[in-house]
């Protein structure tokens, strides 16, 4: 007697929505968004938390988690973008973030070349192959092209609140 082998397929994964939260870093320049050049911080929201990148003076990654919509003043929540879905598992997503974290060190932050929006774009690409809309990081691209970053004191840009690291 021959038995027919029945292969069971894994149940389909429920897609996870990818939400990108944008924060206006300088609300005084509201007019700038009308011409497509806002100053934004971005973070990806999943599983009830945000993951983002920021610079600091200490050894270690600049990737961090925070409660959604909790960026401190003067930044203000601007809008949420729905940028597709991923079918990756929470474990796969955690591994992707751990892998990216190794290449996104806090000391490597650069306001025009390696900022939070670049990280969000890289993570988004790993999750579903999408890209951030161009307007999100347009100010950095323009600033880089004009060499404006050379006029900035990057130590003050990078330094966050003093943290006891001992």
Protein backbone atom coordinates (compact mmCIF):
# COMPACT_ATOMS: atom_id res chain seq x y z
CA UNK A 1 0.00 0.00 0.00
CA UNK A 2 1.32 3.37 -0.94
CA UNK A 3 0.72 6.43 1.16
CA UNK A 4 0.46 9.75 -0.51
CA UNK A 5 2.70 12.24 1.20
CA UNK A 6 0.83 15.35 2.12
CA UNK A 7 2.95 18.44 2.43
CA UNK A 8 1.70 21.06 4.75
CA UNK A 9 2.42 24.60 3.88
CA UNK A 10 3.29 27.03 6.59
CA UNK A 11 0.41 29.36 7.33
CA UNK A 12 0.78 32.66 5.52
CA UNK A 13 2.42 35.39 7.55
CA UNK A 14 0.28 38.32 8.46
CA UNK A 15 1.75 41.42 6.89
CA UNK A 16 3.05 44.10 9.22
CA UNK A 17 2.33 47.71 8.28
CA UNK A 18 5.38 49.92 8.02
CA UNK A 19 4.72 53.37 9.42
CA UNK A 20 7.25 56.18 9.17
CA UNK A 21 6.75 58.99 11.65
CA UNK A 22 8.09 62.37 10.57
CA UNK A 23 8.93 65.15 12.98
CA UNK A 24 9.41 68.77 12.02
CA UNK A 25 12.75 69.74 13.56
CA UNK A 26 12.26 73.47 13.17
CA UNK A 27 8.58 74.44 13.23
CA UNK A 28 9.53 78.12 12.78
CA UNK A 29 10.11 77.39 9.08
CA UNK A 30 6.67 76.00 8.25
CA UNK A 31 6.85 77.69 4.86
CA UNK A 32 9.80 75.51 3.85
CA UNK A 33 7.60 72.42 3.57
CA UNK A 34 5.50 74.15 0.91
CA UNK A 35 8.55 74.31 -1.34
CA UNK A 36 9.56 70.74 -0.51
CA UNK A 37 12.46 71.40 1.85
CA UNK A 38 11.59 70.62 5.45
CA UNK A 39 13.98 69.68 8.24
CA UNK A 40 12.77 66.28 9.40
CA UNK A 41 13.61 63.52 11.83
CA UNK A 42 12.21 60.14 10.85
CA UNK A 43 11.57 56.89 12.69
CA UNK A 44 9.90 53.61 11.79
CA UNK A 45 7.05 52.58 14.06
CA UNK A 46 6.37 48.86 14.58
CA UNK A 47 5.21 46.74 17.50
CA UNK A 48 4.28 49.77 19.60
CA UNK A 49 7.70 51.44 19.45
CA UNK A 50 9.82 53.57 17.15
CA UNK A 51 13.29 52.71 15.92
CA UNK A 52 15.53 55.54 14.75
CA UNK A 53 19.14 56.70 14.51
CA UNK A 54 20.88 59.64 16.12
CA UNK A 55 24.38 60.83 16.78
CA UNK A 56 26.29 61.03 20.02
CA UNK A 57 29.89 61.22 21.31
CA UNK A 58 30.06 57.77 22.87
CA UNK A 59 31.17 54.40 21.51
CA UNK A 60 28.33 52.24 20.30
CA UNK A 61 25.38 52.31 18.02
CA UNK A 62 23.26 55.35 17.38
CA UNK A 63 20.20 53.18 16.74
CA UNK A 64 17.63 53.54 19.49
CA UNK A 65 14.05 52.68 20.40
CA UNK A 66 11.50 55.05 21.87
CA UNK A 67 7.80 55.36 22.49
CA UNK A 68 5.94 56.47 19.35
CA UNK A 69 5.43 60.20 18.86
CA UNK A 70 7.67 61.12 21.79
CA UNK A 71 10.48 63.19 20.26
CA UNK A 72 11.30 66.07 22.64
CA UNK A 73 10.66 69.74 21.84
CA UNK A 74 11.26 71.78 19.82
CA UNK A 75 10.54 68.95 17.36
CA UNK A 76 6.87 68.47 16.56
CA UNK A 77 5.12 65.51 15.03
CA UNK A 78 4.45 66.37 11.39
CA UNK A 79 2.86 63.35 9.73
CA UNK A 80 2.81 59.59 9.47
CA UNK A 81 3.58 57.88 6.18
CA UNK A 82 2.32 54.38 5.42
CA UNK A 83 5.07 52.88 3.31
CA UNK A 84 3.85 49.41 2.59
CA UNK A 85 4.03 46.20 4.51
CA UNK A 86 6.50 43.45 5.30
CA UNK A 87 5.92 39.75 5.78
CA UNK A 88 9.08 39.35 7.83
CA UNK A 89 8.63 37.91 11.30
CA UNK A 90 9.32 39.98 14.41
CA UNK A 91 12.46 37.87 14.92
CA UNK A 92 13.67 38.60 11.38
CA UNK A 93 12.99 42.30 11.86
CA UNK A 94 14.94 42.32 15.14
CA UNK A 95 17.87 40.64 13.40
CA UNK A 96 17.78 43.16 10.55
CA UNK A 97 17.88 46.02 13.07
CA UNK A 98 20.76 44.38 14.99
CA UNK A 99 22.71 43.95 11.75
CA UNK A 100 22.10 47.54 10.66
CA UNK A 101 23.02 48.82 14.13
CA UNK A 102 26.60 47.67 13.65
CA UNK A 103 27.03 50.06 10.72
CA UNK A 104 25.15 52.97 12.27
CA UNK A 105 27.42 54.06 15.11
CA UNK A 106 26.59 57.20 17.07
CA UNK A 107 29.96 58.78 16.33
CA UNK A 108 29.44 58.25 12.58
CA UNK A 109 26.40 60.55 12.48
CA UNK A 110 26.69 63.29 9.89
CA UNK A 111 23.95 65.83 9.41
CA UNK A 112 23.97 65.60 5.61
CA UNK A 113 25.64 62.25 4.81
CA UNK A 114 24.52 59.80 7.51
CA UNK A 115 21.52 61.03 9.45
CA UNK A 116 18.27 59.59 10.83
CA UNK A 117 16.59 59.75 7.44
CA UNK A 118 19.38 57.76 5.80
CA UNK A 119 18.93 55.09 8.49
CA UNK A 120 15.15 55.03 8.07
CA UNK A 121 15.64 54.64 4.32
CA UNK A 122 18.10 51.75 4.82
CA UNK A 123 15.79 49.96 7.27
CA UNK A 124 12.78 50.50 5.02
CA UNK A 125 14.70 48.99 2.10
CA UNK A 126 15.58 45.91 4.19
CA UNK A 127 11.99 45.48 5.33
CA UNK A 128 10.19 45.76 2.01
CA UNK A 129 12.43 47.20 -0.71
CA UNK A 130 10.78 50.64 -0.55
CA UNK A 131 12.48 54.03 -0.24
CA UNK A 132 11.66 57.13 1.74
CA UNK A 133 10.03 59.84 -0.35
CA UNK A 134 12.68 62.29 -1.59
CA UNK A 135 11.22 65.28 0.28
CA UNK A 136 12.11 63.74 3.67
CA UNK A 137 15.88 64.17 3.25
CA UNK A 138 15.95 66.86 0.55
CA UNK A 139 17.39 69.52 2.90
CA UNK A 140 20.38 67.28 3.68
CA UNK A 141 20.93 66.55 0.00
CA UNK A 142 20.87 70.24 -0.87
CA UNK A 143 23.09 71.10 2.10
CA UNK A 144 25.58 68.43 1.10
CA UNK A 145 25.65 69.64 -2.50
CA UNK A 146 26.28 73.20 -1.39
CA UNK A 147 28.85 72.26 1.25
CA UNK A 148 26.74 73.86 3.98
CA UNK A 149 27.69 71.17 6.50
CA UNK A 150 31.23 72.59 6.55
CA UNK A 151 29.81 75.68 8.25
CA UNK A 152 28.26 73.70 11.10
CA UNK A 153 29.88 72.83 14.37
CA UNK A 154 29.15 69.11 14.20
CA UNK A 155 30.10 68.58 17.85
CA UNK A 156 27.09 70.58 18.93
CA UNK A 157 24.91 68.87 16.36
CA UNK A 158 25.92 65.44 17.64
CA UNK A 159 25.82 66.03 21.36
CA UNK A 160 22.63 65.00 23.00
CA UNK A 161 21.83 65.26 26.67
CA UNK A 162 24.66 64.40 29.00
CA UNK A 163 24.41 60.77 29.99
CA UNK A 164 26.40 59.03 32.69
CA UNK A 165 28.15 56.24 30.76
CA UNK A 166 30.09 54.74 33.66
